[in-house]
Amino acid sequence: MVKIYGFESCGWCAKCKAYLQSKGVEYEFHDIELNPEDAEACEKLTGDTAVPVITADDKNYVLGFDKAKIDELLGL
C-alpha cells in the first residue's frame, strides 16, 4: 500500500495526492499533525518530519514532490 505522510494544509502534499490520483494509484494519507503515531512513523522512516513523504514499502521513500522519483519508486 502506498502511503503519503503529510498534513492537510500542505500544498506539496496536495500535489502528491492529485498526482497519484491522476495515475490511478491508491494510497493512504497519514496526517502527521493530527496523529502522533503517523508523525513518529514518518520520522522513523526518514529521520525527519519534513513532508510530503511517499512510500510503498515502509523502507524506500521519496521526500517532496518529484514526479520522476515517485514514478521510479512506484514503478509507474
PDB file of N, CA and C in Angstrom:
ATOM      1  N   MET A   1       0.844  -1.180   0.000  1.00  0.00           N
ATOM      2  CA  MET A   1       0.000   0.000   0.000  1.00  0.00           C
ATOM      3  C   MET A   1       0.889   1.244   0.000  1.00  0.00           C
ATOM      4  N   VAL A   2       0.561   2.173  -0.876  1.00  0.00           N
ATOM      5  CA  VAL A   2       1.278   3.446  -0.957  1.00  0.00           C
ATOM      6  C   VAL A   2       0.761   4.350   0.158  1.00  0.00           C
ATOM      7  N   LYS A   3       1.697   5.005   0.832  1.00  0.00           N
ATOM      8  CA  LYS A   3       1.350   5.932   1.906  1.00  0.00           C
ATOM      9  C   LYS A   3       1.951   7.296   1.604  1.00  0.00           C
ATOM     10  N   ILE A   4       1.190   8.324   1.949  1.00  0.00           N
ATOM     11  CA  ILE A   4       1.707   9.688   1.922  1.00  0.00           C
ATOM     12  C   ILE A   4       1.636  10.210   3.344  1.00  0.00           C
ATOM     13  N   TYR A   5       2.772  10.661   3.847  1.00  0.00           N
ATOM     14  CA  TYR A   5       2.806  11.342   5.134  1.00  0.00           C
ATOM     15  C   TYR A   5       2.827  12.840   4.847  1.00  0.00           C
ATOM     16  N   GLY A   6       1.946  13.563   5.518  1.00  0.00           N
ATOM     17  CA  GLY A   6       1.867  14.999   5.296  1.00  0.00           C
ATOM     18  C   GLY A   6       0.878  15.620   6.247  1.00  0.00           C
ATOM     19  N   PHE A   7       0.335  16.759   5.857  1.00  0.00           N
ATOM     20  CA  PHE A   7      -0.737  17.398   6.613  1.00  0.00           C
ATOM     21  C   PHE A   7      -1.633  18.142   5.634  1.00  0.00           C
ATOM     22  N   GLU A   8      -2.863  18.354   6.032  1.00  0.00           N
ATOM     23  CA  GLU A   8      -3.901  18.846   5.118  1.00  0.00           C
ATOM     24  C   GLU A   8      -3.595  20.199   4.489  1.00  0.00           C
ATOM     25  N   SER A   9      -2.967  21.118   5.203  1.00  0.00           N
ATOM     26  CA  SER A   9      -2.734  22.445   4.639  1.00  0.00           C
ATOM     27  C   SER A   9      -1.443  22.530   3.829  1.00  0.00           C
ATOM     28  N   CYS A  10      -0.788  21.408   3.606  1.00  0.00           N
ATOM     29  CA  CYS A  10       0.465  21.359   2.841  1.00  0.00           C
ATOM     30  C   CYS A  10       0.161  21.328   1.338  1.00  0.00           C
ATOM     31  N   GLY A  11       0.570  22.374   0.635  1.00  0.00           N
ATOM     32  CA  GLY A  11       0.336  22.443  -0.805  1.00  0.00           C
ATOM     33  C   GLY A  11       1.045  21.342  -1.579  1.00  0.00           C
ATOM     34  N   TRP A  12       2.273  21.011  -1.181  1.00  0.00           N
ATOM     35  CA  TRP A  12       3.015  19.951  -1.869  1.00  0.00           C
ATOM     36  C   TRP A  12       2.383  18.585  -1.619  1.00  0.00           C
ATOM     37  N   CYS A  13       1.805  18.404  -0.441  1.00  0.00           N
ATOM     38  CA  CYS A  13       1.097  17.155  -0.143  1.00  0.00           C
ATOM     39  C   CYS A  13      -0.122  17.026  -1.063  1.00  0.00           C
ATOM     40  N   ALA A  14      -0.829  18.125  -1.266  1.00  0.00           N
ATOM     41  CA  ALA A  14      -1.987  18.122  -2.161  1.00  0.00           C
ATOM     42  C   ALA A  14      -1.563  17.776  -3.583  1.00  0.00           C
ATOM     43  N   LYS A  15      -0.419  18.295  -4.026  1.00  0.00           N
ATOM     44  CA  LYS A  15       0.087  17.978  -5.365  1.00  0.00           C
ATOM     45  C   LYS A  15       0.406  16.483  -5.474  1.00  0.00           C
ATOM     46  N   CYS A  16       0.990  15.909  -4.428  1.00  0.00           N
ATOM     47  CA  CYS A  16       1.294  14.476  -4.438  1.00  0.00           C
ATOM     48  C   CYS A  16       0.020  13.652  -4.533  1.00  0.00           C
ATOM     49  N   LYS A  17      -0.987  14.022  -3.741  1.00  0.00           N
ATOM     50  CA  LYS A  17      -2.255  13.292  -3.779  1.00  0.00           C
ATOM     51  C   LYS A  17      -2.885  13.378  -5.163  1.00  0.00           C
ATOM     52  N   ALA A  18      -2.910  14.566  -5.739  1.00  0.00           N
ATOM     53  CA  ALA A  18      -3.501  14.747  -7.069  1.00  0.00           C
ATOM     54  C   ALA A  18      -2.727  13.963  -8.124  1.00  0.00           C
ATOM     55  N   TYR A  19      -1.409  13.956  -8.017  1.00  0.00           N
ATOM     56  CA  TYR A  19      -0.581  13.230  -8.985  1.00  0.00           C
ATOM     57  C   TYR A  19      -0.853  11.730  -8.907  1.00  0.00           C
ATOM     58  N   LEU A  20      -0.882  11.178  -7.702  1.00  0.00           N
ATOM     59  CA  LEU A  20      -1.157   9.743  -7.563  1.00  0.00           C
ATOM     60  C   LEU A  20      -2.558   9.405  -8.063  1.00  0.00           C
ATOM     61  N   GLN A  21      -3.528  10.268  -7.778  1.00  0.00           N
ATOM     62  CA  GLN A  21      -4.887  10.043  -8.272  1.00  0.00           C
ATOM     63  C   GLN A  21      -4.911  10.054  -9.796  1.00  0.00           C
ATOM     64  N   SER A  22      -4.160  10.963 -10.409  1.00  0.00           N
ATOM     65  CA  SER A  22      -4.136  11.046 -11.876  1.00  0.00           C
ATOM     66  C   SER A  22      -3.519   9.801 -12.499  1.00  0.00           C
ATOM     67  N   LYS A  23      -2.675   9.116 -11.741  1.00  0.00           N
ATOM     68  CA  LYS A  23      -2.026   7.883 -12.212  1.00  0.00           C
ATOM     69  C   LYS A  23      -2.811   6.638 -11.815  1.00  0.00           C
ATOM     70  N   GLY A  24      -3.920   6.820 -11.115  1.00  0.00           N
ATOM     71  CA  GLY A  24      -4.742   5.686 -10.689  1.00  0.00           C
ATOM     72  C   GLY A  24      -4.138   4.894  -9.549  1.00  0.00           C
ATOM     73  N   VAL A  25      -3.276   5.527  -8.766  1.00  0.00           N
ATOM     74  CA  VAL A  25      -2.614   4.853  -7.650  1.00  0.00           C
ATOM     75  C   VAL A  25      -3.430   5.065  -6.384  1.00  0.00           C
ATOM     76  N   GLU A  26      -3.798   3.961  -5.743  1.00  0.00           N
ATOM     77  CA  GLU A  26      -4.480   4.050  -4.458  1.00  0.00           C
ATOM     78  C   GLU A  26      -3.441   4.314  -3.379  1.00  0.00           C
ATOM     79  N   TYR A  27      -3.810   5.114  -2.394  1.00  0.00           N
ATOM     80  CA  TYR A  27      -2.873   5.454  -1.331  1.00  0.00           C
ATOM     81  C   TYR A  27      -3.633   5.738  -0.043  1.00  0.00           C
ATOM     82  N   GLU A  28      -2.885   5.698   1.053  1.00  0.00           N
ATOM     83  CA  GLU A  28      -3.395   6.120   2.350  1.00  0.00           C
ATOM     84  C   GLU A  28      -2.714   7.439   2.686  1.00  0.00           C
ATOM     85  N   PHE A  29      -3.476   8.392   3.199  1.00  0.00           N
ATOM     86  CA  PHE A  29      -2.901   9.655   3.636  1.00  0.00           C
ATOM     87  C   PHE A  29      -2.783   9.630   5.152  1.00  0.00           C
ATOM     88  N   HIS A  30      -1.587   9.899   5.651  1.00  0.00           N
ATOM     89  CA  HIS A  30      -1.315   9.895   7.083  1.00  0.00           C
ATOM     90  C   HIS A  30      -0.945  11.314   7.512  1.00  0.00           C
ATOM     91  N   ASP A  31      -1.832  11.932   8.290  1.00  0.00           N
ATOM     92  CA  ASP A  31      -1.658  13.322   8.708  1.00  0.00           C
ATOM     93  C   ASP A  31      -0.797  13.381   9.963  1.00  0.00           C
ATOM     94  N   ILE A  32       0.425  13.899   9.812  1.00  0.00           N
ATOM     95  CA  ILE A  32       1.360  13.927  10.934  1.00  0.00           C
ATOM     96  C   ILE A  32       1.021  15.014  11.954  1.00  0.00           C
ATOM     97  N   GLU A  33       0.156  15.952  11.585  1.00  0.00           N
ATOM     98  CA  GLU A  33      -0.266  16.974  12.551  1.00  0.00           C
ATOM     99  C   GLU A  33      -1.367  16.456  13.465  1.00  0.00           C
ATOM    100  N   LEU A  34      -2.204  15.593  12.949  1.00  0.00           N
ATOM    101  CA  LEU A  34      -3.341  15.102  13.719  1.00  0.00           C
ATOM    102  C   LEU A  34      -3.057  13.808  14.464  1.00  0.00           C
ATOM    103  N   ASN A  35      -2.056  13.060  14.012  1.00  0.00           N
ATOM    104  CA  ASN A  35      -1.806  11.751  14.595  1.00  0.00           C
ATOM    105  C   ASN A  35      -0.337  11.614  14.986  1.00  0.00           C
ATOM    106  N   PRO A  36      -0.042  11.623  16.290  1.00  0.00           N
ATOM    107  CA  PRO A  36       1.341  11.490  16.744  1.00  0.00           C
ATOM    108  C   PRO A  36       2.004  10.185  16.276  1.00  0.00           C
ATOM    109  N   GLU A  37       1.221   9.127  16.124  1.00  0.00           N
ATOM    110  CA  GLU A  37       1.780   7.858  15.642  1.00  0.00           C
ATOM    111  C   GLU A  37       2.257   7.988  14.201  1.00  0.00           C
ATOM    112  N   ASP A  38       1.524   8.736  13.381  1.00  0.00           N
ATOM    113  CA  ASP A  38       1.942   8.970  11.998  1.00  0.00           C
ATOM    114  C   ASP A  38       3.200   9.825  11.953  1.00  0.00           C
ATOM    115  N   ALA A  39       3.284  10.829  12.821  1.00  0.00           N
ATOM    116  CA  ALA A  39       4.487  11.664  12.885  1.00  0.00           C
ATOM    117  C   ALA A  39       5.694  10.818  13.280  1.00  0.00           C
ATOM    118  N   GLU A  40       5.497   9.930  14.229  1.00  0.00           N
ATOM    119  CA  GLU A  40       6.583   9.045  14.676  1.00  0.00           C
ATOM    120  C   GLU A  40       7.006   8.086  13.563  1.00  0.00           C
ATOM    121  N   ALA A  41       6.039   7.538  12.837  1.00  0.00           N
ATOM    122  CA  ALA A  41       6.356   6.623  11.734  1.00  0.00           C
ATOM    123  C   ALA A  41       7.108   7.348  10.627  1.00  0.00           C
ATOM    124  N   CYS A  42       6.716   8.584  10.337  1.00  0.00           N
ATOM    125  CA  CYS A  42       7.388   9.394   9.322  1.00  0.00           C
ATOM    126  C   CYS A  42       8.828   9.669   9.738  1.00  0.00           C
ATOM    127  N   GLU A  43       9.010  10.054  10.984  1.00  0.00           N
ATOM    128  CA  GLU A  43      10.358  10.350  11.481  1.00  0.00           C
ATOM    129  C   GLU A  43      11.225   9.093  11.520  1.00  0.00           C
ATOM    130  N   LYS A  44      10.643   7.962  11.867  1.00  0.00           N
ATOM    131  CA  LYS A  44      11.389   6.701  11.881  1.00  0.00           C
ATOM    132  C   LYS A  44      11.849   6.338  10.467  1.00  0.00           C
ATOM    133  N   LEU A  45      10.999   6.583   9.487  1.00  0.00           N
ATOM    134  CA  LEU A  45      11.306   6.262   8.099  1.00  0.00           C
ATOM    135  C   LEU A  45      12.396   7.165   7.534  1.00  0.00           C
ATOM    136  N   THR A  46      12.284   8.472   7.783  1.00  0.00           N
ATOM    137  CA  THR A  46      13.158   9.436   7.104  1.00  0.00           C
ATOM    138  C   THR A  46      14.196  10.097   7.999  1.00  0.00           C
ATOM    139  N   GLY A  47      14.001  10.008   9.318  1.00  0.00           N
ATOM    140  CA  GLY A  47      14.881  10.712  10.225  1.00  0.00           C
ATOM    141  C   GLY A  47      14.469  12.157  10.425  1.00  0.00           C
ATOM    142  N   ASP A  48      13.311  12.535   9.916  1.00  0.00           N
ATOM    143  CA  ASP A  48      12.835  13.914   9.979  1.00  0.00           C
ATOM    144  C   ASP A  48      11.311  13.898   9.895  1.00  0.00           C
ATOM    145  N   THR A  49      10.700  15.055  10.050  1.00  0.00           N
ATOM    146  CA  THR A  49       9.255  15.157   9.856  1.00  0.00           C
ATOM    147  C   THR A  49       8.922  16.082   8.686  1.00  0.00           C
ATOM    148  N   ALA A  50       9.880  16.268   7.783  1.00  0.00           N
ATOM    149  CA  ALA A  50       9.611  17.036   6.566  1.00  0.00           C
ATOM    150  C   ALA A  50       8.640  16.246   5.696  1.00  0.00           C
ATOM    151  N   VAL A  51       7.753  16.937   5.032  1.00  0.00           N
ATOM    152  CA  VAL A  51       6.744  16.292   4.192  1.00  0.00           C
ATOM    153  C   VAL A  51       6.642  17.027   2.861  1.00  0.00           C
ATOM    154  N   PRO A  52       6.049  16.417   1.868  1.00  0.00           N
ATOM    155  CA  PRO A  52       5.436  15.094   1.849  1.00  0.00           C
ATOM    156  C   PRO A  52       6.469  13.982   1.725  1.00  0.00           C
ATOM    157  N   VAL A  53       6.084  12.827   2.249  1.00  0.00           N
ATOM    158  CA  VAL A  53       6.878  11.604   2.128  1.00  0.00           C
ATOM    159  C   VAL A  53       5.976  10.558   1.503  1.00  0.00           C
ATOM    160  N   ILE A  54       6.454   9.940   0.427  1.00  0.00           N
ATOM    161  CA  ILE A  54       5.704   8.890  -0.253  1.00  0.00           C
ATOM    162  C   ILE A  54       6.492   7.598  -0.113  1.00  0.00           C
ATOM    163  N   THR A  55       5.826   6.520   0.304  1.00  0.00           N
ATOM    164  CA  THR A  55       6.469   5.224   0.438  1.00  0.00           C
ATOM    165  C   THR A  55       5.494   4.127   0.009  1.00  0.00           C
ATOM    166  N   ALA A  56       6.052   3.039  -0.486  1.00  0.00           N
ATOM    167  CA  ALA A  56       5.219   1.892  -0.859  1.00  0.00           C
ATOM    168  C   ALA A  56       5.572   0.668  -0.027  1.00  0.00           C
ATOM    169  N   ASP A  57       6.732   0.709   0.629  1.00  0.00           N
ATOM    170  CA  ASP A  57       7.182  -0.473   1.357  1.00  0.00           C
ATOM    171  C   ASP A  57       7.669  -0.166   2.769  1.00  0.00           C
ATOM    172  N   ASP A  58       7.466   1.043   3.219  1.00  0.00           N
ATOM    173  CA  ASP A  58       7.916   1.497   4.538  1.00  0.00           C
ATOM    174  C   ASP A  58       9.429   1.410   4.713  1.00  0.00           C
ATOM    175  N   LYS A  59      10.168   1.326   3.602  1.00  0.00           N
ATOM    176  CA  LYS A  59      11.633   1.328   3.641  1.00  0.00           C
ATOM    177  C   LYS A  59      12.173   2.414   2.716  1.00  0.00           C
ATOM    178  N   ASN A  60      11.784   2.341   1.454  1.00  0.00           N
ATOM    179  CA  ASN A  60      12.210   3.314   0.449  1.00  0.00           C
ATOM    180  C   ASN A  60      11.141   4.396   0.363  1.00  0.00           C
ATOM    181  N   TYR A  61      11.589   5.612   0.128  1.00  0.00           N
ATOM    182  CA  TYR A  61      10.639   6.725   0.108  1.00  0.00           C
ATOM    183  C   TYR A  61      11.147   7.838  -0.793  1.00  0.00           C
ATOM    184  N   VAL A  62      10.221   8.721  -1.129  1.00  0.00           N
ATOM    185  CA  VAL A  62      10.543   9.961  -1.834  1.00  0.00           C
ATOM    186  C   VAL A  62      10.118  11.094  -0.914  1.00  0.00           C
ATOM    187  N   LEU A  63      11.025  12.023  -0.703  1.00  0.00           N
ATOM    188  CA  LEU A  63      10.732  13.207   0.092  1.00  0.00           C
ATOM    189  C   LEU A  63      10.494  14.360  -0.868  1.00  0.00           C
ATOM    190  N   GLY A  64       9.329  14.979  -0.758  1.00  0.00           N
ATOM    191  CA  GLY A  64       8.989  16.082  -1.642  1.00  0.00           C
ATOM    192  C   GLY A  64       8.209  15.605  -2.860  1.00  0.00           C
ATOM    193  N   PHE A  65       7.837  16.566  -3.689  1.00  0.00           N
ATOM    194  CA  PHE A  65       7.052  16.259  -4.890  1.00  0.00           C
ATOM    195  C   PHE A  65       7.989  16.228  -6.090  1.00  0.00           C
ATOM    196  N   ASP A  66       8.492  15.046  -6.383  1.00  0.00           N
ATOM    197  CA  ASP A  66       9.411  14.824  -7.508  1.00  0.00           C
ATOM    198  C   ASP A  66       8.816  13.708  -8.359  1.00  0.00           C
ATOM    199  N   LYS A  67       8.150  14.098  -9.449  1.00  0.00           N
ATOM    200  CA  LYS A  67       7.430  13.121 -10.277  1.00  0.00           C
ATOM    201  C   LYS A  67       8.323  11.974 -10.740  1.00  0.00           C
ATOM    202  N   ALA A  68       9.539  12.270 -11.190  1.00  0.00           N
ATOM    203  CA  ALA A  68      10.423  11.218 -11.687  1.00  0.00           C
ATOM    204  C   ALA A  68      10.769  10.224 -10.589  1.00  0.00           C
ATOM    205  N   LYS A  69      11.063  10.711  -9.408  1.00  0.00           N
ATOM    206  CA  LYS A  69      11.409   9.816  -8.296  1.00  0.00           C
ATOM    207  C   LYS A  69      10.194   9.032  -7.813  1.00  0.00           C
ATOM    208  N   ILE A  70       9.029   9.670  -7.812  1.00  0.00           N
ATOM    209  CA  ILE A  70       7.800   8.968  -7.434  1.00  0.00           C
ATOM    210  C   ILE A  70       7.524   7.846  -8.424  1.00  0.00           C
ATOM    211  N   ASP A  71       7.643   8.159  -9.717  1.00  0.00           N
ATOM    212  CA  ASP A  71       7.410   7.147 -10.749  1.00  0.00           C
ATOM    213  C   ASP A  71       8.387   5.978 -10.596  1.00  0.00           C
ATOM    214  N   GLU A  72       9.651   6.283 -10.314  1.00  0.00           N
ATOM    215  CA  GLU A  72      10.658   5.233 -10.138  1.00  0.00           C
ATOM    216  C   GLU A  72      10.334   4.369  -8.909  1.00  0.00           C
ATOM    217  N   LEU A  73       9.990   5.012  -7.805  1.00  0.00           N
ATOM    218  CA  LEU A  73       9.660   4.290  -6.573  1.00  0.00           C
ATOM    219  C   LEU A  73       8.481   3.348  -6.763  1.00  0.00           C
ATOM    220  N   LEU A  74       7.466   3.830  -7.490  1.00  0.00           N
ATOM    221  CA  LEU A  74       6.232   3.065  -7.651  1.00  0.00           C
ATOM    222  C   LEU A  74       6.171   2.244  -8.925  1.00  0.00           C
ATOM    223  N   GLY A  75       7.218   2.321  -9.739  1.00  0.00           N
ATOM    224  CA  GLY A  75       7.237   1.565 -10.990  1.00  0.00           C
ATOM    225  C   GLY A  75       6.208   2.039 -11.992  1.00  0.00           C
ATOM    226  N   LEU A  76       5.984   3.341 -12.056  1.00  0.00           N
ATOM    227  CA  LEU A  76       4.978   3.888 -12.985  1.00  0.00           C
ATOM    228  C   LEU A  76       5.570   4.201 -14.339  1.00  0.00           C
TER     229      LEU A  76
END
